[in-house]
Structure formats: structure tokens, C-alpha cells
Protein backbone atom coordinates (compact mmCIF):
# COMPACT_ATOMS: atom_id res chain seq x y z
CA UNK A 1 -22.24 24.98 20.60
CA UNK A 2 -22.06 26.83 17.26
CA UNK A 3 -19.14 28.96 18.48
CA UNK A 4 -17.28 25.87 19.65
CA UNK A 5 -17.87 24.11 16.32
CA UNK A 6 -16.48 27.13 14.50
CA UNK A 7 -13.41 27.11 16.73
CA UNK A 8 -14.26 30.44 18.37
CA UNK A 9 -13.98 31.34 22.05
CA UNK A 10 -17.45 31.42 23.62
CA UNK A 11 -18.91 32.59 26.91
CA UNK A 12 -20.12 29.87 29.26
CA UNK A 13 -23.77 29.21 28.24
CA UNK A 14 -26.82 29.45 30.45
CA UNK A 15 -28.33 25.96 30.31
CA UNK A 16 -32.03 25.38 30.50
CA UNK A 17 -33.50 22.42 32.32
CA UNK A 18 -34.09 20.63 29.00
CA UNK A 19 -30.46 21.08 27.88
CA UNK A 20 -29.13 19.73 31.16
CA UNK A 21 -31.51 16.83 31.03
CA UNK A 22 -30.71 15.84 27.43
CA UNK A 23 -27.36 17.16 26.14
CA UNK A 24 -26.63 14.06 24.05
CA UNK A 25 -27.89 15.19 20.62
CA UNK A 26 -26.16 18.57 20.84
CA UNK A 27 -22.81 17.07 21.82
CA UNK A 28 -23.12 14.36 19.16
CA UNK A 29 -23.71 17.04 16.53
CA UNK A 30 -20.67 18.98 17.72
CA UNK A 31 -18.50 15.84 17.77
CA UNK A 32 -19.50 14.94 14.20
CA UNK A 33 -18.67 18.41 12.92
CA UNK A 34 -15.33 18.58 14.73
CA UNK A 35 -14.38 15.14 13.42
CA UNK A 36 -15.37 16.29 9.95
CA UNK A 37 -13.00 19.25 10.17
CA UNK A 38 -10.15 17.04 11.30
CA UNK A 39 -10.93 14.56 8.50
CA UNK A 40 -10.82 17.30 5.86
CA UNK A 41 -7.60 18.77 7.26
CA UNK A 42 -5.82 15.39 7.14
CA UNK A 43 -6.92 14.78 3.56
CA UNK A 44 -5.86 18.25 2.42
CA UNK A 45 -2.43 17.76 4.00
CA UNK A 46 -2.00 14.33 2.42
CA UNK A 47 -3.22 15.51 -0.99
CA UNK A 48 -0.90 18.53 -0.91
CA UNK A 49 2.05 16.27 -0.14
CA UNK A 50 1.20 13.86 -2.96
CA UNK A 51 0.75 16.60 -5.58
CA UNK A 52 4.11 18.26 -4.90
CA UNK A 53 6.15 15.69 -6.80
CA UNK A 54 4.17 15.62 -10.09
CA UNK A 55 3.75 19.41 -10.04
CA UNK A 56 7.51 19.87 -9.61
CA UNK A 57 8.13 17.48 -12.47
CA UNK A 58 5.67 19.34 -14.72
CA UNK A 59 7.19 22.70 -13.86
CA UNK A 60 10.73 21.43 -14.52
CA UNK A 61 9.76 19.96 -17.89
CA UNK A 62 7.90 23.15 -18.89
CA UNK A 63 10.91 25.31 -18.01
CA UNK A 64 13.26 23.09 -20.02
CA UNK A 65 10.95 23.25 -23.04
CA UNK A 66 11.61 26.99 -23.23
CA UNK A 67 15.21 26.19 -24.26
CA UNK A 68 16.35 25.11 -27.71
CA UNK A 69 16.74 21.35 -27.84
CA UNK A 70 16.44 18.42 -30.25
CA UNK A 71 12.92 17.31 -31.17
CA UNK A 72 13.38 13.95 -29.46
CA UNK A 73 14.10 15.68 -26.15
CA UNK A 74 11.06 17.91 -26.61
CA UNK A 75 8.88 14.85 -27.16
CA UNK A 76 10.35 13.28 -24.05
CA UNK A 77 9.43 16.28 -21.89
CA UNK A 78 5.99 16.48 -23.51
CA UNK A 79 5.41 12.83 -22.58
CA UNK A 80 6.58 13.58 -19.06
CA UNK A 81 4.09 16.43 -18.70
CA UNK A 82 1.26 14.25 -20.03
CA UNK A 83 2.19 11.41 -17.68
CA UNK A 84 2.36 13.64 -14.60
CA UNK A 85 -0.89 15.48 -15.38
CA UNK A 86 -2.49 12.06 -15.80
CA UNK A 87 -1.14 11.05 -12.41
CA UNK A 88 -2.60 14.18 -10.80
CA UNK A 89 -5.97 13.48 -12.44
CA UNK A 90 -5.86 9.89 -11.19
CA UNK A 91 -4.99 10.93 -7.62
CA UNK A 92 -7.81 13.48 -7.46
CA UNK A 93 -10.35 11.15 -9.05
CA UNK A 94 -9.54 8.22 -6.76
CA UNK A 95 -9.44 10.45 -3.71
CA UNK A 96 -12.92 11.76 -4.49
CA UNK A 97 -14.14 8.16 -4.85
CA UNK A 98 -12.55 7.14 -1.56
CA UNK A 99 -13.80 10.12 0.47
CA UNK A 100 -17.33 9.61 -0.84
CA UNK A 101 -17.13 5.93 0.08
CA UNK A 102 -15.80 6.60 3.58
CA UNK A 103 -18.79 8.85 4.30
CA UNK A 104 -21.26 6.16 3.27
CA UNK A 105 -23.19 4.43 6.05
CA UNK A 106 -25.02 1.83 3.99
CA UNK A 107 -25.27 0.18 0.59
CA UNK A 108 -27.47 1.51 -2.20
CA UNK A 109 -29.07 -0.36 -5.06
CA UNK A 110 -28.25 -3.80 -3.70
CA UNK A 111 -28.32 -6.59 -6.27
CA UNK A 112 -27.09 -10.14 -6.69
CA UNK A 113 -23.53 -10.05 -8.02
CA UNK A 114 -21.99 -13.06 -9.77
CA UNK A 115 -18.32 -13.13 -8.81
CA UNK A 116 -17.23 -15.25 -11.79
CA UNK A 117 -18.80 -12.74 -14.18
CA UNK A 118 -17.07 -9.86 -12.37
CA UNK A 119 -13.71 -11.63 -12.62
CA UNK A 120 -14.22 -12.29 -16.34
CA UNK A 121 -15.04 -8.61 -16.99
CA UNK A 122 -11.98 -7.44 -15.03
CA UNK A 123 -9.64 -9.82 -16.88
CA UNK A 124 -11.05 -8.73 -20.26
CA UNK A 125 -10.52 -5.05 -19.42
CA UNK A 126 -6.78 -5.59 -18.92
CA UNK A 127 -6.24 -8.22 -21.61
CA UNK A 128 -4.08 -6.06 -23.95
CA UNK A 129 -1.66 -5.30 -21.12
CA UNK A 130 -1.53 -8.97 -20.12
CA UNK A 131 -0.83 -10.12 -23.68
CA UNK A 132 2.02 -7.64 -24.10
CA UNK A 133 3.69 -8.86 -20.91
CA UNK A 134 3.09 -12.53 -21.62
CA UNK A 135 1.38 -12.89 -18.25
CA UNK A 136 -0.48 -16.14 -17.75
CA UNK A 137 -3.96 -15.78 -16.22
CA UNK A 138 -5.48 -18.74 -14.39
CA UNK A 139 -9.17 -18.12 -13.69
CA UNK A 140 -10.37 -20.63 -11.10
CA UNK A 141 -13.32 -18.55 -9.91
CA UNK A 142 -16.18 -20.99 -9.53
CA UNK A 143 -19.59 -20.57 -11.15
CA UNK A 144 -22.49 -19.99 -8.78
CA UNK A 145 -20.58 -17.92 -6.24
CA UNK A 146 -22.74 -14.86 -5.59
CA UNK A 147 -22.80 -11.95 -3.17
CA UNK A 148 -25.37 -9.24 -2.46
CA UNK A 149 -24.17 -5.69 -2.88
CA UNK A 150 -23.35 -2.85 -5.24
CA UNK A 151 -21.95 -4.32 -8.45
CA UNK A 152 -20.10 -1.12 -9.38
CA UNK A 153 -18.18 -1.01 -6.10
CA UNK A 154 -17.43 -4.74 -6.07
CA UNK A 155 -16.20 -4.67 -9.67
CA UNK A 156 -13.89 -1.73 -8.98
CA UNK A 157 -12.54 -3.37 -5.84
CA UNK A 158 -11.67 -6.54 -7.79
CA UNK A 159 -10.23 -4.39 -10.59
CA UNK A 160 -7.96 -2.57 -8.13
CA UNK A 161 -6.63 -5.85 -6.73
CA UNK A 162 -6.13 -7.28 -10.21
CA UNK A 163 -4.33 -4.13 -11.42
CA UNK A 164 -1.98 -4.39 -8.44
CA UNK A 165 -1.20 -7.99 -9.37
CA UNK A 166 -0.51 -6.99 -12.99
CA UNK A 167 1.76 -4.11 -11.95
CA UNK A 168 3.92 -6.31 -9.73
CA UNK A 169 4.01 -9.46 -11.88
CA UNK A 170 7.09 -9.72 -14.12
CA UNK A 171 6.78 -10.47 -17.83
CA UNK A 172 6.14 -14.17 -18.26
CA UNK A 173 4.72 -14.46 -14.73
CA UNK A 174 1.30 -15.69 -13.68
CA UNK A 175 -1.78 -14.39 -11.89
CA UNK A 176 -4.33 -16.75 -10.40
CA UNK A 177 -7.88 -15.87 -9.43
CA UNK A 178 -9.97 -18.28 -7.40
CA UNK A 179 -13.03 -18.33 -5.15
CA UNK A 180 -14.36 -20.40 -2.30
CA UNK A 181 -17.29 -20.43 0.04
CA UNK A 182 -16.18 -20.31 3.65
CA UNK A 183 -18.62 -19.80 6.50
CA UNK A 184 -20.88 -16.97 5.40
CA UNK A 185 -18.37 -15.49 2.97
CA UNK A 186 -17.28 -15.79 -0.62
CA UNK A 187 -13.48 -15.53 -0.57
CA UNK A 188 -11.81 -14.17 -3.70
CA UNK A 189 -7.99 -14.55 -3.59
CA UNK A 190 -5.87 -13.02 -6.37
CA UNK A 191 -2.29 -14.34 -6.37
CA UNK A 192 0.69 -13.07 -8.35
CA UNK A 193 4.32 -14.14 -8.83
CA UNK A 194 5.92 -10.78 -8.07
CA UNK A 195 8.56 -9.87 -5.52
CA UNK A 196 6.32 -9.95 -2.45
CA UNK A 197 5.89 -7.38 0.32
CA UNK A 198 9.00 -5.85 1.91
CA UNK A 199 9.10 -6.14 5.68
CA UNK A 200 8.99 -2.36 6.15
CA UNK A 201 5.75 -2.11 4.14
CA UNK A 202 3.67 -4.84 5.77
CA UNK A 203 1.91 -2.57 8.26
CA UNK A 204 1.34 0.26 5.80
CA UNK A 205 -0.03 -1.25 2.60
CA UNK A 206 -3.59 -0.16 3.40
CA UNK A 207 -2.55 3.40 4.36
CA UNK A 208 -3.86 6.18 2.15
CA UNK A 209 -1.27 7.36 -0.41
CA UNK A 210 1.24 4.65 0.54
CA UNK A 211 2.60 2.84 -2.51
CA UNK A 212 5.57 0.72 -3.56
CA UNK A 213 7.40 0.95 -6.91
CA UNK A 214 5.97 -1.48 -9.45
CA UNK A 215 8.12 -3.65 -11.74
CA UNK A 216 8.50 -0.70 -14.17
CA UNK A 217 9.56 1.52 -11.21
CA UNK A 218 6.42 3.64 -11.42
CA UNK A 219 4.20 4.18 -8.38
CA UNK A 220 0.46 4.05 -8.08
CA UNK A 221 -1.70 6.57 -6.25
CA UNK A 222 -1.68 4.60 -3.01
CA UNK A 223 -5.49 4.81 -2.94
CA UNK A 224 -6.43 1.48 -4.54
CA UNK A 225 -6.08 -0.75 -1.47
CA UNK A 226 -7.81 1.75 0.88
CA UNK A 227 -10.69 1.79 -1.62
CA UNK A 228 -10.85 -2.03 -1.61
CA UNK A 229 -10.89 -2.08 2.19
CA UNK A 230 -13.72 0.46 2.36
CA UNK A 231 -15.78 -1.51 -0.16
CA UNK A 232 -15.23 -4.67 1.87
CA UNK A 233 -16.22 -3.01 5.14
CA UNK A 234 -19.30 -1.38 3.62
CA UNK A 235 -20.47 -4.82 2.48
CA UNK A 236 -19.71 -6.43 5.84
CA UNK A 237 -16.60 -8.22 4.60
CA UNK A 238 -12.84 -7.75 4.78
CA UNK A 239 -9.72 -7.38 2.65
CA UNK A 240 -6.16 -8.54 3.31
CA UNK A 241 -2.83 -8.91 1.53
CA UNK A 242 -0.16 -11.46 2.48
CA UNK A 243 2.94 -13.10 1.03
CA UNK A 244 2.45 -16.42 -0.71
CA UNK A 245 3.43 -19.51 1.24
CA UNK A 246 6.49 -21.21 -0.17
CA UNK A 247 6.75 -19.10 -3.31
CA UNK A 248 7.21 -15.63 -4.77
CA UNK A 249 4.52 -12.96 -4.89
CA UNK A 250 1.52 -12.07 -2.79
CA UNK A 251 -2.14 -12.97 -2.47
CA UNK A 252 -4.71 -10.21 -2.10
CA UNK A 253 -8.05 -11.38 -0.76
CA UNK A 254 -11.50 -9.82 -0.90
CA UNK A 255 -14.13 -11.50 1.26
CA UNK A 256 -17.82 -10.60 0.96
CA UNK A 257 -20.95 -12.09 2.58
CA UNK A 258 -22.36 -14.87 0.42
CA UNK A 259 -25.74 -14.53 -1.25
CA UNK A 260 -27.54 -17.80 -0.71
CA UNK A 261 -30.52 -18.81 -2.82
């Protein structure tokens, strides 16, 4: 089994009666390790692909800075290097968060989480950006809506959805947050007035590293929505994104099991 897990050729083993009678645990161990290797390989390939673009940009800017040029151009290339190194840092940080989350089997430190309070904190954290863009925020999240889970993960999931809405909402647009109790879930929809989802992207928006250009033509890491989905699944809920009915923009929804008193 160890040789097979390592990917080496092995002689056919001599099974004992016990091994023949109960091979399940050994094969389950081997399956888990082989799946782990495949998981790591896929992530390394994806990460390598995503880092090529910012690294090329950094290298190009650094090479150009060796030439004589006006100070304004130098500042431009310096800003480019800072922006791309920040992007690399963001990709690596979010990827580490996502991989750790995907390996989790259960919640830790479960507490009662007030969804209205989470929404208020998320809005406050992005308030300067919202004011600059003249984006109207409508907070219709109802008081008393609570879920049981990890507050840190839930807050970051809502923050990711809200950041997406901000990035795709034009100046002077609007973002609406709401909540409702439906069945055993608290539903948190976040709606924007952006351009909506292109047809070619509908089936890929939750794929790791897949992103669309925002209103300023920049791209995110493509790891925010996969993170939201993993948080939802870990809590026994779900996440979805769809075009708004009869209007511009999209609605991203996070649904989590309701905490009833």
C-alpha cells in the first residue's frame, strides 16, 4: 500500500487472512492520500497559471525602470509593481484560506450570529469606497435573524459578496441587502445594479480563479465566490448568483440554517 501511495511499482503482496477479511481501512487510507496528491497538483497548476500574468508585469516594469525616463513614468511603473505584488499577495492569501476551508469537515467555535449586525459591519468596512462612488446602500436586513456558526467565516463570506457587488456597481448605482426566513434557512440576498452575468460565464462563476473584469476593468482573484460556497456548505447552507428579474445587475444569495430561540 505504501509503495502504491508513493506512486512506485510494487510486487504483488502476500495477504494475510485478516487483510483479506477487512481491506476497507487500508484502501480508504490509500484513496485519501491519492486524492490529496491530485488535489495538490491541481492547485499548484492553477496557482502557477494565475501568477504568470502579474509576475510578467512586474518583470516588465522592473526592466523599464532601468532606462532613463521622466519621473512621472517612473512613478507609474512603481505603482504598477506595487499593484501586481499586492495582487500576488491577495491570491496566495485567499488560496490558503480556501484550501484550509475545503479540508474542514466540521465547524469550530459555533456561536449565535446576528445577520443584521454582520451586514452593518460589512457595510461600514467599505463605506469610504461607497461614498467616493456615490453608491446608494439600502440595508433591509431584518433584526432578529440569527444563524448558528462561525462568525469569522460568515462575516467574510458576506464581505466577499458585498465586495463583488461594489466592484460591479457603477458610480451612482445602488446595492440592496435584505434577509428573510424561509423554511429552515435565513436567506441573505445582495443585489446590485451592474451589468449582469454574461451568458458564457454563467456556469463558471463559482470556479476557482475564474473572474470577470469589474467596472474599472480590473479583475479579482477568482477565489471569493468559491470561498463563499465553501462557507455555505460547511454550515449546511448554499450560495447562488443570478441575474435580477426585469432589471440590471445580479443578486448573490447566501443561505444558512436559521438559529431558532
